[in-house]
Amino acid sequence: MSKKIVMVVTNHKEMNEEKATGIWLSEFAEAYLEFSKKGYDVTVASPLGGTAPVDPGSVDESTPQEFLETKHYLQDTVNLNQVSAEDFDAIFLPGGHGTMFDLPKSKKLQELLRDFYEEDKIVAAVCHGPAGLVGATLSNGQPLVAGKRVNAFTDREEAETTLDQYMPFLLESKIRELGAIFVAAPNWHTHYEVDGNLITGQNPQSTLSVIKAVVEKLG
């Protein structure tokens, strides 16, 4: 039986009327392609289902064609309400600034993350994807990330993008407030943390490292 993974992406497409956002394409594409090469069965889901937007800033003339081709899988995503943890071996949250707006508000995602984690299944996220972990609590009421080594897009990196002013919160600061042991690397360096079945990466450069860690655990 092949391993089954659900990738949860954002539906949110704008920071404000002037700035578009969405998924950071490389974080989705690298993960989707690597999982597929391993023969895993990949389902792409989102809070609302349907089309999931790609951040226009994540695509330019240097974007590999195979990355662009994965946009096809974002045209008709499954609604999260149709997803059950018992049907999958792992959940993965790629980033993009869009995740900061809708993933923390998704009650269904919070339930799924709790179920995956408490069923000893893999919970993984990269860059802004860990925004989805912000609202997740365990059955005992504690934040899922409390007391765990966690990595995500840092406040310093956010400041460097100059997009911090448009964010509903700063991801590193919020994760620290929830009691996580936030482990940061210098800006734009590949870095990820593994704490049990929780795997998190810092930035777009860290996507492949996170995926390799997921694959290693899944076998």
Protein backbone atom coordinates (compact mmCIF):
# COMPACT_ATOMS: atom_id res chain seq x y z
CA MET A 1 0.00 0.00 0.00
CA SER A 2 1.39 3.40 -0.94
CA LYS A 3 1.59 6.08 1.71
CA LYS A 4 -1.10 8.74 1.60
CA ILE A 5 -0.43 12.42 2.18
CA VAL A 6 -2.80 15.37 2.34
CA MET A 7 -1.31 18.73 1.43
CA VAL A 8 -3.29 21.66 2.83
CA VAL A 9 -3.02 24.92 0.89
CA THR A 10 -4.46 28.40 1.31
CA ASN A 11 -7.46 29.86 -0.52
CA HIS A 12 -6.53 33.43 0.44
CA LYS A 13 -5.48 35.57 -2.51
CA GLU A 14 -4.83 39.11 -1.30
CA MET A 15 -3.08 40.95 1.53
CA ASN A 16 -5.06 44.07 0.64
CA GLU A 17 -6.65 45.56 -2.47
CA GLU A 18 -3.25 46.26 -3.98
CA LYS A 19 -1.21 43.22 -3.00
CA ALA A 20 -1.97 39.71 -4.20
CA THR A 21 -0.85 36.63 -2.31
CA GLY A 22 -1.49 32.90 -2.13
CA ILE A 23 0.72 29.79 -2.13
CA TRP A 24 4.47 30.07 -2.63
CA LEU A 25 4.70 27.86 -5.69
CA SER A 26 8.11 26.25 -5.08
CA GLU A 27 7.03 25.05 -1.63
CA PHE A 28 3.99 23.33 -3.09
CA ALA A 29 5.68 22.08 -6.26
CA GLU A 30 8.83 20.68 -4.66
CA ALA A 31 6.76 18.78 -2.12
CA TYR A 32 4.19 17.50 -4.61
CA LEU A 33 6.86 16.32 -7.03
CA GLU A 34 8.98 14.61 -4.37
CA PHE A 35 6.00 12.84 -2.82
CA SER A 36 4.86 11.71 -6.27
CA LYS A 37 8.33 10.39 -7.16
CA LYS A 38 8.15 8.24 -4.04
CA GLY A 39 4.87 6.79 -5.27
CA TYR A 40 2.83 8.39 -2.50
CA ASP A 41 -0.85 9.09 -3.04
CA VAL A 42 -1.19 12.89 -2.70
CA THR A 43 -4.45 14.74 -2.03
CA VAL A 44 -4.49 18.55 -2.22
CA ALA A 45 -7.04 20.19 0.08
CA SER A 46 -7.92 23.70 1.21
CA PRO A 47 -10.31 25.30 3.72
CA LEU A 48 -12.87 26.17 1.02
CA GLY A 49 -11.99 23.64 -1.67
CA GLY A 50 -11.86 24.63 -5.34
CA THR A 51 -9.16 26.87 -6.76
CA ALA A 52 -6.15 27.72 -4.62
CA PRO A 53 -4.25 30.87 -5.72
CA VAL A 54 -0.52 31.02 -6.41
CA ASP A 55 1.36 34.08 -5.15
CA PRO A 56 2.42 35.92 -8.33
CA GLY A 57 5.69 36.82 -6.61
CA SER A 58 6.65 33.14 -6.51
CA VAL A 59 6.69 32.78 -10.31
CA ASP A 60 9.13 34.35 -12.76
CA GLU A 61 11.10 33.46 -15.88
CA SER A 62 13.42 31.20 -13.87
CA THR A 63 10.59 29.03 -12.48
CA PRO A 64 11.11 25.44 -13.68
CA GLN A 65 8.48 24.16 -16.10
CA GLU A 66 7.76 21.16 -13.87
CA PHE A 67 6.87 23.58 -11.05
CA LEU A 68 4.49 25.47 -13.34
CA GLU A 69 2.82 22.22 -14.33
CA THR A 70 1.91 21.47 -10.72
CA LYS A 71 -0.44 24.49 -10.74
CA HIS A 72 -2.88 22.09 -12.38
CA TYR A 73 -3.33 20.36 -9.02
CA LEU A 74 -4.42 23.65 -7.44
CA GLN A 75 -7.40 24.13 -9.74
CA ASP A 76 -9.82 21.82 -7.94
CA THR A 77 -8.69 21.18 -4.38
CA VAL A 78 -10.70 19.06 -1.96
CA ASN A 79 -12.66 20.87 0.74
CA LEU A 80 -11.04 20.21 4.14
CA ASN A 81 -14.41 19.19 5.52
CA GLN A 82 -14.16 16.06 3.38
CA VAL A 83 -10.79 15.06 4.86
CA SER A 84 -10.30 12.63 7.72
CA ALA A 85 -7.00 11.90 9.44
CA GLU A 86 -7.71 8.17 9.41
CA ASP A 87 -7.36 8.15 5.61
CA PHE A 88 -3.81 9.55 5.56
CA ASP A 89 -0.31 8.91 6.91
CA ALA A 90 0.85 12.53 6.97
CA ILE A 91 -0.34 16.11 6.62
CA PHE A 92 1.85 18.78 5.03
CA LEU A 93 1.29 22.55 4.99
CA PRO A 94 3.30 24.50 2.37
CA GLY A 95 3.57 28.24 2.83
CA GLY A 96 2.95 31.50 1.07
CA HIS A 97 1.64 34.60 2.82
CA GLY A 98 -1.94 33.56 2.09
CA THR A 99 -1.69 30.91 4.81
CA MET A 100 -1.40 33.64 7.44
CA PHE A 101 -4.96 34.73 6.79
CA ASP A 102 -7.08 31.59 6.48
CA LEU A 103 -5.27 28.57 7.92
CA PRO A 104 -5.21 29.86 11.55
CA LYS A 105 -8.99 30.39 11.38
CA SER A 106 -9.89 26.94 10.07
CA LYS A 107 -11.52 24.91 12.86
CA LYS A 108 -11.48 21.83 10.62
CA LEU A 109 -7.72 22.18 10.09
CA GLN A 110 -7.20 22.52 13.84
CA GLU A 111 -9.17 19.30 14.38
CA LEU A 112 -7.19 17.49 11.70
CA LEU A 113 -3.84 18.59 13.09
CA ARG A 114 -4.84 17.36 16.55
CA ASP A 115 -6.04 14.05 15.14
CA PHE A 116 -2.91 13.49 13.06
CA TYR A 117 -0.62 14.33 15.96
CA GLU A 118 -2.48 12.29 18.57
CA GLU A 119 -2.67 9.31 16.22
CA ASP A 120 1.15 9.41 15.92
CA LYS A 121 1.02 10.51 12.32
CA ILE A 122 3.31 13.05 10.72
CA VAL A 123 2.50 16.77 10.91
CA ALA A 124 4.80 18.84 8.68
CA ALA A 125 4.88 22.46 7.55
CA VAL A 126 7.32 24.91 5.98
CA CYS A 127 7.84 28.70 5.89
CA HIS A 128 4.41 30.30 6.51
CA GLY A 129 2.73 26.89 6.54
CA PRO A 130 3.19 26.65 10.33
CA ALA A 131 0.59 29.44 10.57
CA GLY A 132 -1.82 26.53 10.39
CA LEU A 133 -0.41 25.21 13.67
CA VAL A 134 -1.17 28.43 15.53
CA GLY A 135 -4.75 27.56 16.44
CA ALA A 136 -4.21 23.83 16.94
CA THR A 137 -4.58 22.41 20.44
CA LEU A 138 -4.32 18.89 21.77
CA SER A 139 -7.11 17.08 23.60
CA ASN A 140 -5.71 18.36 26.90
CA GLY A 141 -6.17 21.95 25.74
CA GLN A 142 -2.47 22.68 25.33
CA PRO A 143 -1.22 24.28 22.08
CA LEU A 144 0.11 21.59 19.76
CA VAL A 145 3.44 23.41 19.47
CA ALA A 146 3.92 24.04 23.22
CA GLY A 147 7.23 22.70 24.49
CA LYS A 148 8.28 21.45 21.06
CA ARG A 149 11.17 22.53 18.83
CA VAL A 150 9.57 24.44 16.00
CA ASN A 151 10.83 26.36 13.00
CA ALA A 152 8.98 28.74 10.64
CA PHE A 153 9.45 31.96 8.70
CA THR A 154 11.21 34.26 11.13
CA ASP A 155 10.33 37.81 12.15
CA ARG A 156 13.66 38.94 10.71
CA GLU A 157 12.88 37.37 7.35
CA GLU A 158 9.40 38.91 7.40
CA ALA A 159 10.90 42.34 8.06
CA GLU A 160 13.28 41.83 5.16
CA THR A 161 10.36 41.15 2.81
CA THR A 162 8.76 44.44 4.04
CA LEU A 163 5.44 42.57 4.08
CA ASP A 164 5.31 42.39 7.87
CA GLN A 165 3.08 45.50 7.88
CA TYR A 166 0.36 43.58 6.03
CA MET A 167 0.39 40.46 8.19
CA PRO A 168 -2.32 39.76 10.81
CA PHE A 169 0.50 38.67 13.16
CA LEU A 170 4.19 37.75 13.07
CA LEU A 171 4.55 34.00 12.85
CA GLU A 172 7.71 33.52 14.91
CA SER A 173 6.41 35.75 17.68
CA LYS A 174 3.05 33.96 17.76
CA ILE A 175 4.66 30.52 17.90
CA ARG A 176 6.90 31.64 20.75
CA GLU A 177 3.85 33.02 22.61
CA LEU A 178 2.29 29.56 22.39
CA GLY A 179 5.20 28.09 24.33
CA ALA A 180 7.18 26.52 21.50
CA ILE A 181 10.96 26.29 21.52
CA PHE A 182 11.54 28.32 18.37
CA VAL A 183 14.87 27.48 16.73
CA ALA A 184 15.92 29.99 14.07
CA ALA A 185 18.74 30.03 11.53
CA PRO A 186 20.12 33.10 9.72
CA ASN A 187 17.81 34.61 7.09
CA TRP A 188 17.23 32.48 3.99
CA HIS A 189 19.37 29.59 5.23
CA THR A 190 18.04 26.06 4.95
CA HIS A 191 16.86 24.94 8.37
CA TYR A 192 14.32 22.52 9.75
CA GLU A 193 13.42 20.96 13.07
CA VAL A 194 12.18 17.48 13.87
CA ASP A 195 10.48 16.97 17.23
CA GLY A 196 8.89 13.53 17.25
CA ASN A 197 6.38 13.51 14.39
CA LEU A 198 6.33 17.30 14.12
CA ILE A 199 8.54 18.53 11.27
CA THR A 200 8.85 22.24 10.47
CA GLY A 201 11.05 24.29 8.14
CA GLN A 202 12.01 27.95 8.08
CA ASN A 203 11.68 29.29 4.55
CA PRO A 204 11.34 28.32 0.86
CA GLN A 205 14.95 27.13 0.90
CA SER A 206 14.02 24.55 3.55
CA THR A 207 11.22 22.78 1.67
CA LEU A 208 13.24 19.87 0.31
CA SER A 209 14.87 19.24 3.69
CA VAL A 210 11.44 19.05 5.33
CA ILE A 211 10.17 16.70 2.62
CA LYS A 212 13.22 14.43 2.97
CA ALA A 213 12.57 14.27 6.72
CA VAL A 214 8.93 13.33 6.06
CA VAL A 215 9.96 10.66 3.57
CA GLU A 216 12.53 9.27 6.02
CA LYS A 217 9.87 8.87 8.69
CA LEU A 218 7.29 7.39 6.33
CA GLY A 219 9.79 4.93 4.86
